[in-house]
Amino acid sequence: MKEAVIIVLLGVLVMAYAASLCDVGEFKILAQTTNDPTVRKDVTLKWMKAHAKDCSNPQLVAMYNHLAEWLGAADNFEIRGLIYEQYRTEK
């Protein structure tokens, strides 16, 4: 019985750690506080390349659905493609 509880707790900790690597709020703030669209594109692409692999599909969908609002003129096919490709991978 104790082993099962430990296994469940470890699973919860691993899931919480993975979720912390993909912080949608961090992505949003990064996008909305970078004024220059060229710089905004660069910093959000860098963030996405570093963190997308850790995002759940619901997190990816949330980001994809808000890209126009959060990125404005920096919204582009490259970042949309990264999100789409990551969404297609099995999780």
PDB file of N, CA and C in Angstrom:
ATOM      1  N   MET A   1       0.825  -1.202   0.000  1.00  0.00           N
ATOM      2  CA  MET A   1       0.000   0.000   0.000  1.00  0.00           C
ATOM      3  C   MET A   1       0.865   1.260   0.000  1.00  0.00           C
ATOM      4  N   LYS A   2       1.909   1.280   0.835  1.00  0.00           N
ATOM      5  CA  LYS A   2       2.791   2.440   0.910  1.00  0.00           C
ATOM      6  C   LYS A   2       3.497   2.668  -0.422  1.00  0.00           C
ATOM      7  N   GLU A   3       3.876   1.576  -1.096  1.00  0.00           N
ATOM      8  CA  GLU A   3       4.555   1.693  -2.381  1.00  0.00           C
ATOM      9  C   GLU A   3       3.652   2.362  -3.414  1.00  0.00           C
ATOM     10  N   ALA A   4       2.368   2.014  -3.402  1.00  0.00           N
ATOM     11  CA  ALA A   4       1.420   2.600  -4.358  1.00  0.00           C
ATOM     12  C   ALA A   4       1.268   4.094  -4.114  1.00  0.00           C
ATOM     13  N   VAL A   5       1.228   4.499  -2.874  1.00  0.00           N
ATOM     14  CA  VAL A   5       1.100   5.917  -2.534  1.00  0.00           C
ATOM     15  C   VAL A   5       2.348   6.672  -2.990  1.00  0.00           C
ATOM     16  N   ILE A   6       3.504   6.082  -2.771  1.00  0.00           N
ATOM     17  CA  ILE A   6       4.754   6.716  -3.188  1.00  0.00           C
ATOM     18  C   ILE A   6       4.801   6.858  -4.705  1.00  0.00           C
ATOM     19  N   ILE A   7       4.381   5.841  -5.426  1.00  0.00           N
ATOM     20  CA  ILE A   7       4.369   5.884  -6.884  1.00  0.00           C
ATOM     21  C   ILE A   7       3.434   6.989  -7.379  1.00  0.00           C
ATOM     22  N   VAL A   8       2.261   7.071  -6.777  1.00  0.00           N
ATOM     23  CA  VAL A   8       1.298   8.109  -7.169  1.00  0.00           C
ATOM     24  C   VAL A   8       1.867   9.490  -6.883  1.00  0.00           C
ATOM     25  N   LEU A   9       2.469   9.677  -5.721  1.00  0.00           N
ATOM     26  CA  LEU A   9       3.048  10.975  -5.375  1.00  0.00           C
ATOM     27  C   LEU A   9       4.185  11.344  -6.316  1.00  0.00           C
ATOM     28  N   LEU A  10       5.019  10.397  -6.671  1.00  0.00           N
ATOM     29  CA  LEU A  10       6.093  10.667  -7.626  1.00  0.00           C
ATOM     30  C   LEU A  10       5.523  11.065  -8.983  1.00  0.00           C
ATOM     31  N   GLY A  11       4.463  10.403  -9.406  1.00  0.00           N
ATOM     32  CA  GLY A  11       3.814  10.754 -10.667  1.00  0.00           C
ATOM     33  C   GLY A  11       3.286  12.182 -10.650  1.00  0.00           C
ATOM     34  N   VAL A  12       2.677  12.561  -9.550  1.00  0.00           N
ATOM     35  CA  VAL A  12       2.150  13.924  -9.404  1.00  0.00           C
ATOM     36  C   VAL A  12       3.292  14.931  -9.452  1.00  0.00           C
ATOM     37  N   LEU A  13       4.400  14.635  -8.771  1.00  0.00           N
ATOM     38  CA  LEU A  13       5.546  15.541  -8.781  1.00  0.00           C
ATOM     39  C   LEU A  13       6.141  15.689 -10.175  1.00  0.00           C
ATOM     40  N   VAL A  14       6.242  14.598 -10.907  1.00  0.00           N
ATOM     41  CA  VAL A  14       6.775  14.653 -12.272  1.00  0.00           C
ATOM     42  C   VAL A  14       5.860  15.487 -13.157  1.00  0.00           C
ATOM     43  N   MET A  15       4.551  15.304 -13.040  1.00  0.00           N
ATOM     44  CA  MET A  15       3.604  16.076 -13.844  1.00  0.00           C
ATOM     45  C   MET A  15       3.672  17.560 -13.478  1.00  0.00           C
ATOM     46  N   ALA A  16       3.803  17.865 -12.204  1.00  0.00           N
ATOM     47  CA  ALA A  16       3.894  19.268 -11.781  1.00  0.00           C
ATOM     48  C   ALA A  16       5.178  19.906 -12.296  1.00  0.00           C
ATOM     49  N   TYR A  17       6.270  19.158 -12.264  1.00  0.00           N
ATOM     50  CA  TYR A  17       7.541  19.682 -12.776  1.00  0.00           C
ATOM     51  C   TYR A  17       7.444  19.957 -14.269  1.00  0.00           C
ATOM     52  N   ALA A  18       6.878  19.023 -15.025  1.00  0.00           N
ATOM     53  CA  ALA A  18       6.732  19.215 -16.473  1.00  0.00           C
ATOM     54  C   ALA A  18       5.848  20.417 -16.776  1.00  0.00           C
ATOM     55  N   ALA A  19       4.770  20.588 -16.027  1.00  0.00           N
ATOM     56  CA  ALA A  19       3.873  21.725 -16.254  1.00  0.00           C
ATOM     57  C   ALA A  19       4.576  23.043 -15.968  1.00  0.00           C
ATOM     58  N   SER A  20       5.499  23.044 -15.015  1.00  0.00           N
ATOM     59  CA  SER A  20       6.191  24.288 -14.690  1.00  0.00           C
ATOM     60  C   SER A  20       7.170  24.692 -15.791  1.00  0.00           C
ATOM     61  N   LEU A  21       7.591  23.751 -16.624  1.00  0.00           N
ATOM     62  CA  LEU A  21       8.496  24.064 -17.718  1.00  0.00           C
ATOM     63  C   LEU A  21       7.770  24.753 -18.867  1.00  0.00           C
ATOM     64  N   CYS A  22       6.475  24.582 -18.930  1.00  0.00           N
ATOM     65  CA  CYS A  22       5.667  25.221 -19.968  1.00  0.00           C
ATOM     66  C   CYS A  22       4.660  26.136 -19.276  1.00  0.00           C
ATOM     67  N   ASP A  23       5.065  27.336 -19.029  1.00  0.00           N
ATOM     68  CA  ASP A  23       4.219  28.311 -18.344  1.00  0.00           C
ATOM     69  C   ASP A  23       3.606  29.240 -19.391  1.00  0.00           C
ATOM     70  N   VAL A  24       2.352  28.989 -19.725  1.00  0.00           N
ATOM     71  CA  VAL A  24       1.664  29.777 -20.746  1.00  0.00           C
ATOM     72  C   VAL A  24       1.618  31.249 -20.338  1.00  0.00           C
ATOM     73  N   GLY A  25       1.465  31.501 -19.057  1.00  0.00           N
ATOM     74  CA  GLY A  25       1.462  32.881 -18.570  1.00  0.00           C
ATOM     75  C   GLY A  25       2.792  33.580 -18.826  1.00  0.00           C
ATOM     76  N   GLU A  26       3.874  32.846 -18.662  1.00  0.00           N
ATOM     77  CA  GLU A  26       5.190  33.412 -18.942  1.00  0.00           C
ATOM     78  C   GLU A  26       5.310  33.781 -20.429  1.00  0.00           C
ATOM     79  N   PHE A  27       4.830  32.893 -21.295  1.00  0.00           N
ATOM     80  CA  PHE A  27       4.851  33.156 -22.737  1.00  0.00           C
ATOM     81  C   PHE A  27       4.027  34.406 -23.055  1.00  0.00           C
ATOM     82  N   LYS A  28       2.846  34.501 -22.468  1.00  0.00           N
ATOM     83  CA  LYS A  28       1.970  35.649 -22.715  1.00  0.00           C
ATOM     84  C   LYS A  28       2.630  36.953 -22.265  1.00  0.00           C
ATOM     85  N   ILE A  29       3.182  36.958 -21.065  1.00  0.00           N
ATOM     86  CA  ILE A  29       3.824  38.164 -20.541  1.00  0.00           C
ATOM     87  C   ILE A  29       5.020  38.555 -21.401  1.00  0.00           C
ATOM     88  N   LEU A  30       5.807  37.562 -21.795  1.00  0.00           N
ATOM     89  CA  LEU A  30       6.950  37.823 -22.663  1.00  0.00           C
ATOM     90  C   LEU A  30       6.499  38.492 -23.960  1.00  0.00           C
ATOM     91  N   ALA A  31       5.436  37.968 -24.540  1.00  0.00           N
ATOM     92  CA  ALA A  31       4.930  38.516 -25.792  1.00  0.00           C
ATOM     93  C   ALA A  31       4.357  39.922 -25.609  1.00  0.00           C
ATOM     94  N   GLN A  32       3.620  40.122 -24.548  1.00  0.00           N
ATOM     95  CA  GLN A  32       2.930  41.399 -24.367  1.00  0.00           C
ATOM     96  C   GLN A  32       3.808  42.507 -23.802  1.00  0.00           C
ATOM     97  N   THR A  33       4.971  42.172 -23.308  1.00  0.00           N
ATOM     98  CA  THR A  33       5.846  43.208 -22.759  1.00  0.00           C
ATOM     99  C   THR A  33       7.027  43.522 -23.674  1.00  0.00           C
ATOM    100  N   THR A  34       7.043  42.930 -24.850  1.00  0.00           N
ATOM    101  CA  THR A  34       8.087  43.212 -25.830  1.00  0.00           C
ATOM    102  C   THR A  34       7.461  44.054 -26.931  1.00  0.00           C
ATOM    103  N   ASN A  35       7.816  45.324 -26.996  1.00  0.00           N
ATOM    104  CA  ASN A  35       7.139  46.257 -27.892  1.00  0.00           C
ATOM    105  C   ASN A  35       7.494  46.102 -29.370  1.00  0.00           C
ATOM    106  N   ASP A  36       8.745  45.916 -29.684  1.00  0.00           N
ATOM    107  CA  ASP A  36       9.183  45.812 -31.077  1.00  0.00           C
ATOM    108  C   ASP A  36       8.759  44.457 -31.651  1.00  0.00           C
ATOM    109  N   PRO A  37       7.936  44.433 -32.720  1.00  0.00           N
ATOM    110  CA  PRO A  37       7.454  43.169 -33.282  1.00  0.00           C
ATOM    111  C   PRO A  37       8.568  42.215 -33.725  1.00  0.00           C
ATOM    112  N   THR A  38       9.664  42.746 -34.231  1.00  0.00           N
ATOM    113  CA  THR A  38      10.768  41.888 -34.664  1.00  0.00           C
ATOM    114  C   THR A  38      11.407  41.202 -33.456  1.00  0.00           C
ATOM    115  N   VAL A  39      11.614  41.952 -32.410  1.00  0.00           N
ATOM    116  CA  VAL A  39      12.180  41.392 -31.183  1.00  0.00           C
ATOM    117  C   VAL A  39      11.183  40.423 -30.552  1.00  0.00           C
ATOM    118  N   ARG A  40       9.892  40.786 -30.557  1.00  0.00           N
ATOM    119  CA  ARG A  40       8.846  39.932 -30.000  1.00  0.00           C
ATOM    120  C   ARG A  40       8.832  38.582 -30.702  1.00  0.00           C
ATOM    121  N   LYS A  41       8.960  38.604 -32.026  1.00  0.00           N
ATOM    122  CA  LYS A  41       9.001  37.348 -32.777  1.00  0.00           C
ATOM    123  C   LYS A  41      10.195  36.510 -32.344  1.00  0.00           C
ATOM    124  N   ASP A  42      11.351  37.141 -32.224  1.00  0.00           N
ATOM    125  CA  ASP A  42      12.577  36.422 -31.859  1.00  0.00           C
ATOM    126  C   ASP A  42      12.484  35.813 -30.461  1.00  0.00           C
ATOM    127  N   VAL A  43      12.030  36.598 -29.482  1.00  0.00           N
ATOM    128  CA  VAL A  43      12.009  36.092 -28.109  1.00  0.00           C
ATOM    129  C   VAL A  43      10.942  35.015 -27.916  1.00  0.00           C
ATOM    130  N   THR A  44       9.811  35.156 -28.598  1.00  0.00           N
ATOM    131  CA  THR A  44       8.779  34.129 -28.447  1.00  0.00           C
ATOM    132  C   THR A  44       9.166  32.846 -29.187  1.00  0.00           C
ATOM    133  N   LEU A  45       9.835  32.969 -30.316  1.00  0.00           N
ATOM    134  CA  LEU A  45      10.328  31.765 -30.995  1.00  0.00           C
ATOM    135  C   LEU A  45      11.372  31.054 -30.142  1.00  0.00           C
ATOM    136  N   LYS A  46      12.242  31.816 -29.538  1.00  0.00           N
ATOM    137  CA  LYS A  46      13.264  31.226 -28.668  1.00  0.00           C
ATOM    138  C   LYS A  46      12.603  30.503 -27.495  1.00  0.00           C
ATOM    139  N   TRP A  47      11.606  31.136 -26.885  1.00  0.00           N
ATOM    140  CA  TRP A  47      10.891  30.519 -25.769  1.00  0.00           C
ATOM    141  C   TRP A  47      10.206  29.238 -26.235  1.00  0.00           C
ATOM    142  N   MET A  48       9.544  29.315 -27.377  1.00  0.00           N
ATOM    143  CA  MET A  48       8.808  28.169 -27.886  1.00  0.00           C
ATOM    144  C   MET A  48       9.757  26.995 -28.180  1.00  0.00           C
ATOM    145  N   LYS A  49      10.909  27.277 -28.780  1.00  0.00           N
ATOM    146  CA  LYS A  49      11.871  26.218 -29.078  1.00  0.00           C
ATOM    147  C   LYS A  49      12.406  25.576 -27.804  1.00  0.00           C
ATOM    148  N   ALA A  50      12.503  26.355 -26.742  1.00  0.00           N
ATOM    149  CA  ALA A  50      13.016  25.829 -25.478  1.00  0.00           C
ATOM    150  C   ALA A  50      11.963  25.097 -24.657  1.00  0.00           C
ATOM    151  N   HIS A  51      10.684  25.478 -24.791  1.00  0.00           N
ATOM    152  CA  HIS A  51       9.663  24.973 -23.875  1.00  0.00           C
ATOM    153  C   HIS A  51       8.521  24.178 -24.508  1.00  0.00           C
ATOM    154  N   ALA A  52       8.329  24.250 -25.804  1.00  0.00           N
ATOM    155  CA  ALA A  52       7.163  23.604 -26.428  1.00  0.00           C
ATOM    156  C   ALA A  52       7.109  22.108 -26.161  1.00  0.00           C
ATOM    157  N   LYS A  53       8.266  21.476 -26.092  1.00  0.00           N
ATOM    158  CA  LYS A  53       8.296  20.021 -25.879  1.00  0.00           C
ATOM    159  C   LYS A  53       7.715  19.651 -24.516  1.00  0.00           C
ATOM    160  N   ASP A  54       7.662  20.593 -23.595  1.00  0.00           N
ATOM    161  CA  ASP A  54       7.153  20.337 -22.254  1.00  0.00           C
ATOM    162  C   ASP A  54       5.687  20.717 -22.089  1.00  0.00           C
ATOM    163  N   CYS A  55       5.078  21.251 -23.140  1.00  0.00           N
ATOM    164  CA  CYS A  55       3.694  21.719 -23.064  1.00  0.00           C
ATOM    165  C   CYS A  55       2.715  20.584 -23.341  1.00  0.00           C
ATOM    166  N   SER A  56       1.642  20.613 -22.611  1.00  0.00           N
ATOM    167  CA  SER A  56       0.553  19.664 -22.876  1.00  0.00           C
ATOM    168  C   SER A  56      -0.230  20.155 -24.091  1.00  0.00           C
ATOM    169  N   ASN A  57      -1.014  19.281 -24.674  1.00  0.00           N
ATOM    170  CA  ASN A  57      -1.815  19.706 -25.822  1.00  0.00           C
ATOM    171  C   ASN A  57      -2.792  20.830 -25.466  1.00  0.00           C
ATOM    172  N   PRO A  58      -3.460  20.796 -24.306  1.00  0.00           N
ATOM    173  CA  PRO A  58      -4.320  21.943 -23.962  1.00  0.00           C
ATOM    174  C   PRO A  58      -3.546  23.262 -23.847  1.00  0.00           C
ATOM    175  N   GLN A  59      -2.321  23.214 -23.349  1.00  0.00           N
ATOM    176  CA  GLN A  59      -1.510  24.433 -23.267  1.00  0.00           C
ATOM    177  C   GLN A  59      -1.152  24.922 -24.668  1.00  0.00           C
ATOM    178  N   LEU A  60      -0.798  23.996 -25.544  1.00  0.00           N
ATOM    179  CA  LEU A  60      -0.457  24.363 -26.923  1.00  0.00           C
ATOM    180  C   LEU A  60      -1.660  24.985 -27.635  1.00  0.00           C
ATOM    181  N   VAL A  61      -2.823  24.407 -27.430  1.00  0.00           N
ATOM    182  CA  VAL A  61      -4.044  24.941 -28.050  1.00  0.00           C
ATOM    183  C   VAL A  61      -4.325  26.348 -27.529  1.00  0.00           C
ATOM    184  N   ALA A  62      -4.162  26.549 -26.237  1.00  0.00           N
ATOM    185  CA  ALA A  62      -4.400  27.880 -25.656  1.00  0.00           C
ATOM    186  C   ALA A  62      -3.459  28.905 -26.278  1.00  0.00           C
ATOM    187  N   MET A  63      -2.184  28.547 -26.406  1.00  0.00           N
ATOM    188  CA  MET A  63      -1.234  29.484 -27.005  1.00  0.00           C
ATOM    189  C   MET A  63      -1.577  29.741 -28.468  1.00  0.00           C
ATOM    190  N   TYR A  64      -1.854  28.689 -29.219  1.00  0.00           N
ATOM    191  CA  TYR A  64      -2.165  28.836 -30.641  1.00  0.00           C
ATOM    192  C   TYR A  64      -3.375  29.742 -30.839  1.00  0.00           C
ATOM    193  N   ASN A  65      -4.391  29.535 -30.027  1.00  0.00           N
ATOM    194  CA  ASN A  65      -5.619  30.312 -30.170  1.00  0.00           C
ATOM    195  C   ASN A  65      -5.458  31.781 -29.790  1.00  0.00           C
ATOM    196  N   HIS A  66      -4.418  32.119 -29.038  1.00  0.00           N
ATOM    197  CA  HIS A  66      -4.205  33.501 -28.610  1.00  0.00           C
ATOM    198  C   HIS A  66      -3.036  34.195 -29.311  1.00  0.00           C
ATOM    199  N   LEU A  67      -2.411  33.529 -30.268  1.00  0.00           N
ATOM    200  CA  LEU A  67      -1.231  34.122 -30.898  1.00  0.00           C
ATOM    201  C   LEU A  67      -1.509  35.485 -31.524  1.00  0.00           C
ATOM    202  N   ALA A  68      -2.602  35.628 -32.248  1.00  0.00           N
ATOM    203  CA  ALA A  68      -2.898  36.913 -32.891  1.00  0.00           C
ATOM    204  C   ALA A  68      -3.021  38.019 -31.848  1.00  0.00           C
ATOM    205  N   GLU A  69      -3.674  37.715 -30.752  1.00  0.00           N
ATOM    206  CA  GLU A  69      -3.871  38.702 -29.687  1.00  0.00           C
ATOM    207  C   GLU A  69      -2.554  39.015 -28.967  1.00  0.00           C
ATOM    208  N   TRP A  70      -1.791  37.998 -28.638  1.00  0.00           N
ATOM    209  CA  TRP A  70      -0.578  38.196 -27.846  1.00  0.00           C
ATOM    210  C   TRP A  70       0.608  38.688 -28.669  1.00  0.00           C
ATOM    211  N   LEU A  71       0.730  38.218 -29.914  1.00  0.00           N
ATOM    212  CA  LEU A  71       1.895  38.567 -30.724  1.00  0.00           C
ATOM    213  C   LEU A  71       1.649  39.742 -31.658  1.00  0.00           C
ATOM    214  N   GLY A  72       0.410  39.986 -32.005  1.00  0.00           N
ATOM    215  CA  GLY A  72       0.107  41.078 -32.918  1.00  0.00           C
ATOM    216  C   GLY A  72       0.849  40.920 -34.224  1.00  0.00           C
ATOM    217  N   ALA A  73       1.590  41.937 -34.621  1.00  0.00           N
ATOM    218  CA  ALA A  73       2.313  41.929 -35.894  1.00  0.00           C
ATOM    219  C   ALA A  73       3.419  40.869 -35.935  1.00  0.00           C
ATOM    220  N   ALA A  74       3.801  40.319 -34.794  1.00  0.00           N
ATOM    221  CA  ALA A  74       4.852  39.295 -34.750  1.00  0.00           C
ATOM    222  C   ALA A  74       4.297  37.888 -34.972  1.00  0.00           C
ATOM    223  N   ASP A  75       2.984  37.758 -35.043  1.00  0.00           N
ATOM    224  CA  ASP A  75       2.361  36.452 -35.318  1.00  0.00           C
ATOM    225  C   ASP A  75       2.857  35.962 -36.675  1.00  0.00           C
ATOM    226  N   ASN A  76       3.301  34.718 -36.739  1.00  0.00           N
ATOM    227  CA  ASN A  76       3.911  34.239 -37.978  1.00  0.00           C
ATOM    228  C   ASN A  76       3.734  32.730 -38.136  1.00  0.00           C
ATOM    229  N   PHE A  77       3.965  32.273 -39.360  1.00  0.00           N
ATOM    230  CA  PHE A  77       3.781  30.853 -39.678  1.00  0.00           C
ATOM    231  C   PHE A  77       4.802  29.972 -38.967  1.00  0.00           C
ATOM    232  N   GLU A  78       5.971  30.502 -38.666  1.00  0.00           N
ATOM    233  CA  GLU A  78       7.006  29.675 -38.039  1.00  0.00           C
ATOM    234  C   GLU A  78       6.592  29.245 -36.631  1.00  0.00           C
ATOM    235  N   ILE A  79       6.114  30.190 -35.839  1.00  0.00           N
ATOM    236  CA  ILE A  79       5.708  29.840 -34.479  1.00  0.00           C
ATOM    237  C   ILE A  79       4.441  28.992 -34.499  1.00  0.00           C
ATOM    238  N   ARG A  80       3.530  29.280 -35.424  1.00  0.00           N
ATOM    239  CA  ARG A  80       2.331  28.449 -35.546  1.00  0.00           C
ATOM    240  C   ARG A  80       2.704  27.023 -35.953  1.00  0.00           C
ATOM    241  N   GLY A  81       3.678  26.902 -36.838  1.00  0.00           N
ATOM    242  CA  GLY A  81       4.144  25.584 -37.256  1.00  0.00           C
ATOM    243  C   GLY A  81       4.777  24.806 -36.116  1.00  0.00           C
ATOM    244  N   LEU A  82       5.572  25.491 -35.291  1.00  0.00           N
ATOM    245  CA  LEU A  82       6.177  24.829 -34.139  1.00  0.00           C
ATOM    246  C   LEU A  82       5.115  24.295 -33.189  1.00  0.00           C
ATOM    247  N   ILE A  83       4.118  25.107 -32.931  1.00  0.00           N
ATOM    248  CA  ILE A  83       3.044  24.683 -32.033  1.00  0.00           C
ATOM    249  C   ILE A  83       2.295  23.500 -32.639  1.00  0.00           C
ATOM    250  N   TYR A  84       1.966  23.599 -33.930  1.00  0.00           N
ATOM    251  CA  TYR A  84       1.217  22.532 -34.591  1.00  0.00           C
ATOM    252  C   TYR A  84       2.007  21.215 -34.583  1.00  0.00           C
ATOM    253  N   GLU A  85       3.281  21.271 -34.904  1.00  0.00           N
ATOM    254  CA  GLU A  85       4.095  20.060 -34.925  1.00  0.00           C
ATOM    255  C   GLU A  85       4.218  19.443 -33.538  1.00  0.00           C
ATOM    256  N   GLN A  86       4.360  20.286 -32.520  1.00  0.00           N
ATOM    257  CA  GLN A  86       4.450  19.763 -31.162  1.00  0.00           C
ATOM    258  C   GLN A  86       3.118  19.146 -30.744  1.00  0.00           C
ATOM    259  N   TYR A  87       2.021  19.747 -31.158  1.00  0.00           N
ATOM    260  CA  TYR A  87       0.685  19.225 -30.853  1.00  0.00           C
ATOM    261  C   TYR A  87       0.502  17.828 -31.444  1.00  0.00           C
ATOM    262  N   ARG A  88       1.052  17.631 -32.640  1.00  0.00           N
ATOM    263  CA  ARG A  88       0.890  16.349 -33.334  1.00  0.00           C
ATOM    264  C   ARG A  88       1.700  15.217 -32.701  1.00  0.00           C
ATOM    265  N   THR A  89       2.737  15.552 -31.947  1.00  0.00           N
ATOM    266  CA  THR A  89       3.541  14.498 -31.322  1.00  0.00           C
ATOM    267  C   THR A  89       2.768  13.876 -30.185  1.00  0.00           C
ATOM    268  N   GLU A  90       2.975  12.606 -29.994  1.00  0.00           N
ATOM    269  CA  GLU A  90       2.271  11.912 -28.914  1.00  0.00           C
ATOM    270  C   GLU A  90       2.777  12.385 -27.565  1.00  0.00           C
ATOM    271  N   LYS A  91       1.842  12.548 -26.649  1.00  0.00           N
ATOM    272  CA  LYS A  91       2.192  12.949 -25.284  1.00  0.00           C
ATOM    273  C   LYS A  91       1.675  11.921 -24.318  1.00  0.00           C
TER     274      LYS A  91
END
